[in-house]
Structures are given as structure tokens and as C-alpha cells.
């Protein structure tokens, strides 16, 4: 018997605002059960003597140094913008008025 039921999947779908069919509820219940079983197997690994780490191999910083370099002037940037206002690029409003 599956530890994830159709009603569990339906509940998760509602929370996620996903529309799923009855057929998908059955299929997803089985798939989610397999995922949880795989995660449980990982939890059974003998790792008591393994030190905590963030990566399996040592990492070095591969980023370039943060140095100031010449860039485009404001006038050049604003000349290429579709709209400009008060020395800034004007973009369409996407949010309502702040309350």
C-alpha cells in the first residue's frame, strides 16, 4: 500500500494550484511514494564518521577580482533605452500603488 494517498496528492495539487486529473492522482501518488522511498534509503547511509561539508570536492574562488573598469556613460545608455525620464530608464509599472 502506498504511503502517499490520492487525497494527499489532491491536497498538494490544491496547495500548488495545479489542476490534475483522476488518472494523474493515481500516477503521482505512486511516483511520490517512490521518491520518498529513495530519500529514506539515502537517510540509511552509514555516515557517522563523515565530516559535514558543503561540497564533495574542495572549491576555490574562480571569480575575477572586483575591479572598477570603464563602462558606458549615462547618456549612451539612456539613448539606447526605449524611454527615459529624469536621467533614468523608464519602465512600465507592474505593481499597484503602495499602501
N, C-alpha and C. Protein backbone atom coordinates (compact mmCIF):
# COMPACT_ATOMS: atom_id res chain seq x y z
N UNK A 1 0.83 -1.18 0.00
CA UNK A 1 0.00 0.00 0.00
C UNK A 1 0.88 1.25 0.00
N UNK A 2 0.48 2.24 -0.74
CA UNK A 2 1.23 3.48 -0.87
C UNK A 2 1.12 4.32 0.39
N UNK A 3 2.22 4.95 0.78
CA UNK A 3 2.16 5.84 1.94
C UNK A 3 1.63 7.21 1.55
N UNK A 4 1.61 7.50 0.26
CA UNK A 4 1.03 8.75 -0.26
C UNK A 4 -0.30 8.39 -0.91
N UNK A 5 -1.38 8.94 -0.40
CA UNK A 5 -2.70 8.61 -0.93
C UNK A 5 -3.12 9.59 -2.01
N UNK A 6 -4.18 9.22 -2.71
CA UNK A 6 -4.74 10.11 -3.74
C UNK A 6 -5.16 11.43 -3.09
N UNK A 7 -5.71 11.36 -1.89
CA UNK A 7 -6.16 12.59 -1.23
C UNK A 7 -4.96 13.47 -0.85
N UNK A 8 -3.83 12.83 -0.49
CA UNK A 8 -2.61 13.61 -0.23
C UNK A 8 -2.16 14.35 -1.48
N UNK A 9 -2.18 13.64 -2.60
CA UNK A 9 -1.77 14.26 -3.87
C UNK A 9 -2.74 15.37 -4.25
N UNK A 10 -4.04 15.13 -4.07
CA UNK A 10 -5.04 16.15 -4.38
C UNK A 10 -4.82 17.38 -3.51
N UNK A 11 -4.50 17.16 -2.23
CA UNK A 11 -4.24 18.28 -1.32
C UNK A 11 -3.01 19.07 -1.77
N UNK A 12 -1.93 18.36 -2.10
CA UNK A 12 -0.72 19.03 -2.59
C UNK A 12 -1.00 19.79 -3.88
N UNK A 13 -1.80 19.21 -4.76
CA UNK A 13 -2.14 19.87 -6.02
C UNK A 13 -2.92 21.16 -5.75
N UNK A 14 -3.86 21.10 -4.81
CA UNK A 14 -4.62 22.32 -4.47
C UNK A 14 -3.69 23.39 -3.90
N UNK A 15 -2.80 22.99 -3.01
CA UNK A 15 -1.86 23.95 -2.43
C UNK A 15 -0.95 24.57 -3.49
N UNK A 16 -0.61 23.77 -4.50
CA UNK A 16 0.27 24.22 -5.57
C UNK A 16 -0.49 24.88 -6.71
N UNK A 17 -1.81 24.90 -6.58
CA UNK A 17 -2.69 25.45 -7.61
C UNK A 17 -2.48 24.75 -8.96
N UNK A 18 -2.40 23.41 -8.89
CA UNK A 18 -2.25 22.58 -10.07
C UNK A 18 -3.55 21.84 -10.34
N UNK A 19 -3.95 21.81 -11.59
CA UNK A 19 -5.12 21.03 -11.98
C UNK A 19 -4.63 19.65 -12.40
N UNK A 20 -5.11 18.61 -11.72
CA UNK A 20 -4.70 17.25 -12.05
C UNK A 20 -5.96 16.40 -12.25
N UNK A 21 -5.84 15.44 -13.15
CA UNK A 21 -6.94 14.53 -13.44
C UNK A 21 -6.93 13.37 -12.44
N UNK A 22 -8.02 12.59 -12.44
CA UNK A 22 -8.07 11.42 -11.57
C UNK A 22 -6.95 10.43 -11.91
N UNK A 23 -6.67 10.29 -13.20
CA UNK A 23 -5.59 9.39 -13.63
C UNK A 23 -4.24 9.88 -13.11
N UNK A 24 -4.03 11.21 -13.15
CA UNK A 24 -2.77 11.76 -12.66
C UNK A 24 -2.64 11.60 -11.15
N UNK A 25 -3.75 11.69 -10.43
CA UNK A 25 -3.69 11.49 -8.98
C UNK A 25 -3.14 10.12 -8.64
N UNK A 26 -3.61 9.10 -9.35
CA UNK A 26 -3.12 7.74 -9.10
C UNK A 26 -1.64 7.62 -9.47
N UNK A 27 -1.29 8.15 -10.64
CA UNK A 27 0.10 8.04 -11.11
C UNK A 27 1.04 8.80 -10.19
N UNK A 28 0.67 10.03 -9.82
CA UNK A 28 1.54 10.85 -8.97
C UNK A 28 1.68 10.25 -7.57
N UNK A 29 0.64 9.62 -7.06
CA UNK A 29 0.73 9.00 -5.73
C UNK A 29 1.82 7.94 -5.74
N UNK A 30 1.84 7.10 -6.77
CA UNK A 30 2.87 6.08 -6.87
C UNK A 30 4.25 6.67 -7.05
N UNK A 31 4.35 7.71 -7.88
CA UNK A 31 5.66 8.33 -8.13
C UNK A 31 6.19 9.01 -6.87
N UNK A 32 5.34 9.74 -6.17
CA UNK A 32 5.78 10.40 -4.94
C UNK A 32 6.19 9.39 -3.88
N UNK A 33 5.48 8.27 -3.84
CA UNK A 33 5.84 7.22 -2.89
C UNK A 33 7.24 6.69 -3.20
N UNK A 34 7.57 6.52 -4.49
CA UNK A 34 8.91 6.05 -4.88
C UNK A 34 9.97 7.08 -4.52
N UNK A 35 9.67 8.36 -4.70
CA UNK A 35 10.62 9.42 -4.34
C UNK A 35 10.89 9.39 -2.84
N UNK A 36 9.84 9.29 -2.05
CA UNK A 36 10.03 9.25 -0.59
C UNK A 36 10.81 8.01 -0.16
N UNK A 37 10.59 6.89 -0.83
CA UNK A 37 11.35 5.68 -0.50
C UNK A 37 12.82 5.87 -0.83
N UNK A 38 13.12 6.53 -1.95
CA UNK A 38 14.52 6.78 -2.32
C UNK A 38 15.18 7.71 -1.32
N UNK A 39 14.47 8.72 -0.88
CA UNK A 39 15.02 9.64 0.12
C UNK A 39 15.27 8.91 1.43
N UNK A 40 14.37 8.02 1.80
CA UNK A 40 14.56 7.24 3.03
C UNK A 40 15.79 6.36 2.93
N UNK A 41 16.06 5.80 1.75
CA UNK A 41 17.27 4.97 1.57
C UNK A 41 18.53 5.80 1.74
N UNK A 42 18.52 7.03 1.26
CA UNK A 42 19.68 7.90 1.43
C UNK A 42 19.92 8.15 2.92
N UNK A 43 18.84 8.31 3.67
CA UNK A 43 18.96 8.53 5.10
C UNK A 43 19.53 7.35 5.86
N UNK A 44 19.54 6.17 5.25
CA UNK A 44 20.08 4.98 5.90
C UNK A 44 21.58 4.81 5.70
N UNK A 45 22.21 5.68 4.92
CA UNK A 45 23.64 5.56 4.64
C UNK A 45 24.45 5.71 5.92
N UNK A 46 25.52 4.95 6.01
CA UNK A 46 26.41 5.00 7.18
C UNK A 46 27.35 6.19 7.04
N UNK A 47 27.00 7.28 7.66
CA UNK A 47 27.79 8.50 7.51
C UNK A 47 28.25 9.07 8.85
N UNK A 48 28.22 8.27 9.89
CA UNK A 48 28.57 8.78 11.21
C UNK A 48 30.01 9.31 11.26
N UNK A 49 30.92 8.70 10.48
CA UNK A 49 32.32 9.13 10.51
C UNK A 49 32.68 10.09 9.38
N UNK A 50 31.68 10.59 8.64
CA UNK A 50 31.93 11.53 7.55
C UNK A 50 31.70 12.95 8.07
N UNK A 51 32.71 13.82 7.95
CA UNK A 51 32.53 15.19 8.46
C UNK A 51 31.54 15.97 7.58
N UNK A 52 30.79 16.88 8.18
CA UNK A 52 29.87 17.70 7.39
C UNK A 52 30.63 18.54 6.38
N UNK A 53 30.05 18.70 5.20
CA UNK A 53 30.68 19.51 4.16
C UNK A 53 29.60 20.09 3.26
N UNK A 54 29.96 21.12 2.54
CA UNK A 54 29.01 21.73 1.61
C UNK A 54 29.18 21.20 0.20
N UNK A 55 30.36 20.68 -0.11
CA UNK A 55 30.65 20.14 -1.44
C UNK A 55 31.50 18.87 -1.31
N UNK A 56 31.39 18.00 -2.28
CA UNK A 56 32.13 16.75 -2.23
C UNK A 56 33.62 16.95 -2.53
N UNK A 57 33.96 18.03 -3.23
CA UNK A 57 35.36 18.31 -3.55
C UNK A 57 35.68 19.73 -3.09
N UNK A 58 36.94 20.01 -2.76
CA UNK A 58 37.29 21.38 -2.34
C UNK A 58 37.05 22.37 -3.47
N UNK A 59 36.58 23.54 -3.11
CA UNK A 59 36.32 24.59 -4.09
C UNK A 59 37.28 25.75 -3.89
N UNK A 60 37.60 26.40 -4.98
CA UNK A 60 38.36 27.64 -4.91
C UNK A 60 37.56 28.71 -5.63
N UNK A 61 37.78 29.94 -5.26
CA UNK A 61 37.06 31.05 -5.88
C UNK A 61 37.56 31.22 -7.31
N UNK A 62 36.67 31.05 -8.25
CA UNK A 62 37.06 31.17 -9.67
C UNK A 62 36.60 32.49 -10.25
N UNK A 63 36.14 33.40 -9.42
CA UNK A 63 35.68 34.69 -9.90
C UNK A 63 36.86 35.63 -10.09
N UNK A 64 36.71 36.54 -11.01
CA UNK A 64 37.76 37.52 -11.23
C UNK A 64 37.75 38.54 -10.10
N UNK A 65 38.83 39.25 -9.90
CA UNK A 65 38.83 40.30 -8.87
C UNK A 65 37.80 41.37 -9.20
N UNK A 66 37.20 41.95 -8.20
CA UNK A 66 36.21 43.01 -8.38
C UNK A 66 36.94 44.32 -8.53
N UNK A 67 37.12 44.75 -9.78
CA UNK A 67 37.86 45.97 -10.06
C UNK A 67 36.99 46.92 -10.87
N UNK A 68 37.12 48.21 -10.59
CA UNK A 68 36.39 49.22 -11.34
C UNK A 68 37.00 49.33 -12.73
N UNK A 69 36.13 49.25 -13.74
CA UNK A 69 36.58 49.39 -15.13
C UNK A 69 35.67 50.39 -15.84
N UNK A 70 36.12 50.97 -16.93
CA UNK A 70 35.28 51.92 -17.66
C UNK A 70 34.01 51.23 -18.17
N UNK A 71 32.92 51.99 -18.18
CA UNK A 71 31.67 51.45 -18.70
C UNK A 71 30.99 52.54 -19.54
N UNK A 72 29.80 52.25 -20.03
CA UNK A 72 29.09 53.21 -20.85
C UNK A 72 28.67 54.41 -20.02
N UNK A 73 28.63 55.57 -20.67
CA UNK A 73 28.16 56.76 -19.97
C UNK A 73 26.64 56.71 -19.85
N UNK A 74 26.11 57.48 -18.92
CA UNK A 74 24.67 57.51 -18.72
C UNK A 74 23.96 57.94 -20.00
N UNK A 75 24.50 58.93 -20.71
CA UNK A 75 23.86 59.41 -21.93
C UNK A 75 23.77 58.32 -23.00
N UNK A 76 24.81 57.52 -23.13
CA UNK A 76 24.80 56.43 -24.12
C UNK A 76 23.76 55.38 -23.74
N UNK A 77 23.70 55.04 -22.47
CA UNK A 77 22.73 54.04 -22.01
C UNK A 77 21.31 54.55 -22.22
N UNK A 78 21.05 55.79 -21.82
CA UNK A 78 19.70 56.35 -21.97
C UNK A 78 19.31 56.53 -23.43
N UNK A 79 20.30 56.77 -24.30
CA UNK A 79 19.99 56.90 -25.72
C UNK A 79 19.50 55.56 -26.30
N UNK A 80 19.93 54.45 -25.73
CA UNK A 80 19.51 53.14 -26.22
C UNK A 80 18.25 52.61 -25.54
N UNK A 81 17.76 53.33 -24.54
CA UNK A 81 16.57 52.89 -23.81
C UNK A 81 15.31 53.25 -24.58
N UNK A 82 14.27 52.43 -24.49
CA UNK A 82 13.02 52.76 -25.17
C UNK A 82 12.38 54.04 -24.63
N UNK A 83 12.57 54.33 -23.33
CA UNK A 83 12.04 55.55 -22.73
C UNK A 83 12.94 55.94 -21.56
N UNK A 84 13.11 57.25 -21.38
CA UNK A 84 13.93 57.75 -20.29
C UNK A 84 13.20 58.90 -19.62
N UNK A 85 13.45 59.06 -18.31
CA UNK A 85 12.82 60.15 -17.56
C UNK A 85 13.71 60.49 -16.37
N UNK A 86 14.04 61.76 -16.21
CA UNK A 86 14.85 62.24 -15.10
C UNK A 86 16.19 61.50 -14.99
N UNK A 87 16.81 61.22 -16.11
CA UNK A 87 18.12 60.57 -16.10
C UNK A 87 18.07 59.09 -15.78
N UNK A 88 16.89 58.49 -15.89
CA UNK A 88 16.73 57.06 -15.61
C UNK A 88 15.96 56.40 -16.74
N UNK A 89 16.12 55.09 -16.85
CA UNK A 89 15.34 54.32 -17.82
C UNK A 89 13.92 54.19 -17.27
N UNK A 90 12.94 54.54 -18.09
CA UNK A 90 11.54 54.43 -17.67
C UNK A 90 11.01 53.07 -18.09
N UNK A 91 10.41 52.37 -17.13
CA UNK A 91 9.84 51.05 -17.39
C UNK A 91 8.36 51.08 -17.02
N UNK A 92 7.57 50.18 -17.62
CA UNK A 92 6.15 50.16 -17.29
C UNK A 92 5.92 49.73 -15.84
N UNK A 93 4.89 50.28 -15.21
CA UNK A 93 4.54 49.92 -13.84
C UNK A 93 3.98 48.49 -13.85
N UNK A 94 4.48 47.65 -12.95
CA UNK A 94 3.98 46.29 -12.87
C UNK A 94 3.26 46.01 -11.56
N UNK A 95 3.44 46.88 -10.59
CA UNK A 95 2.81 46.71 -9.29
C UNK A 95 1.84 47.86 -9.06
N UNK A 96 0.85 47.62 -8.25
CA UNK A 96 -0.12 48.67 -7.91
C UNK A 96 0.51 49.69 -7.01
N UNK A 97 -0.28 50.69 -6.64
CA UNK A 97 0.21 51.73 -5.73
C UNK A 97 0.54 51.13 -4.39
N UNK A 98 1.59 51.65 -3.78
CA UNK A 98 1.99 51.17 -2.44
C UNK A 98 0.95 51.65 -1.43
N UNK A 99 0.63 50.79 -0.50
CA UNK A 99 -0.36 51.15 0.52
C UNK A 99 0.28 51.42 1.83
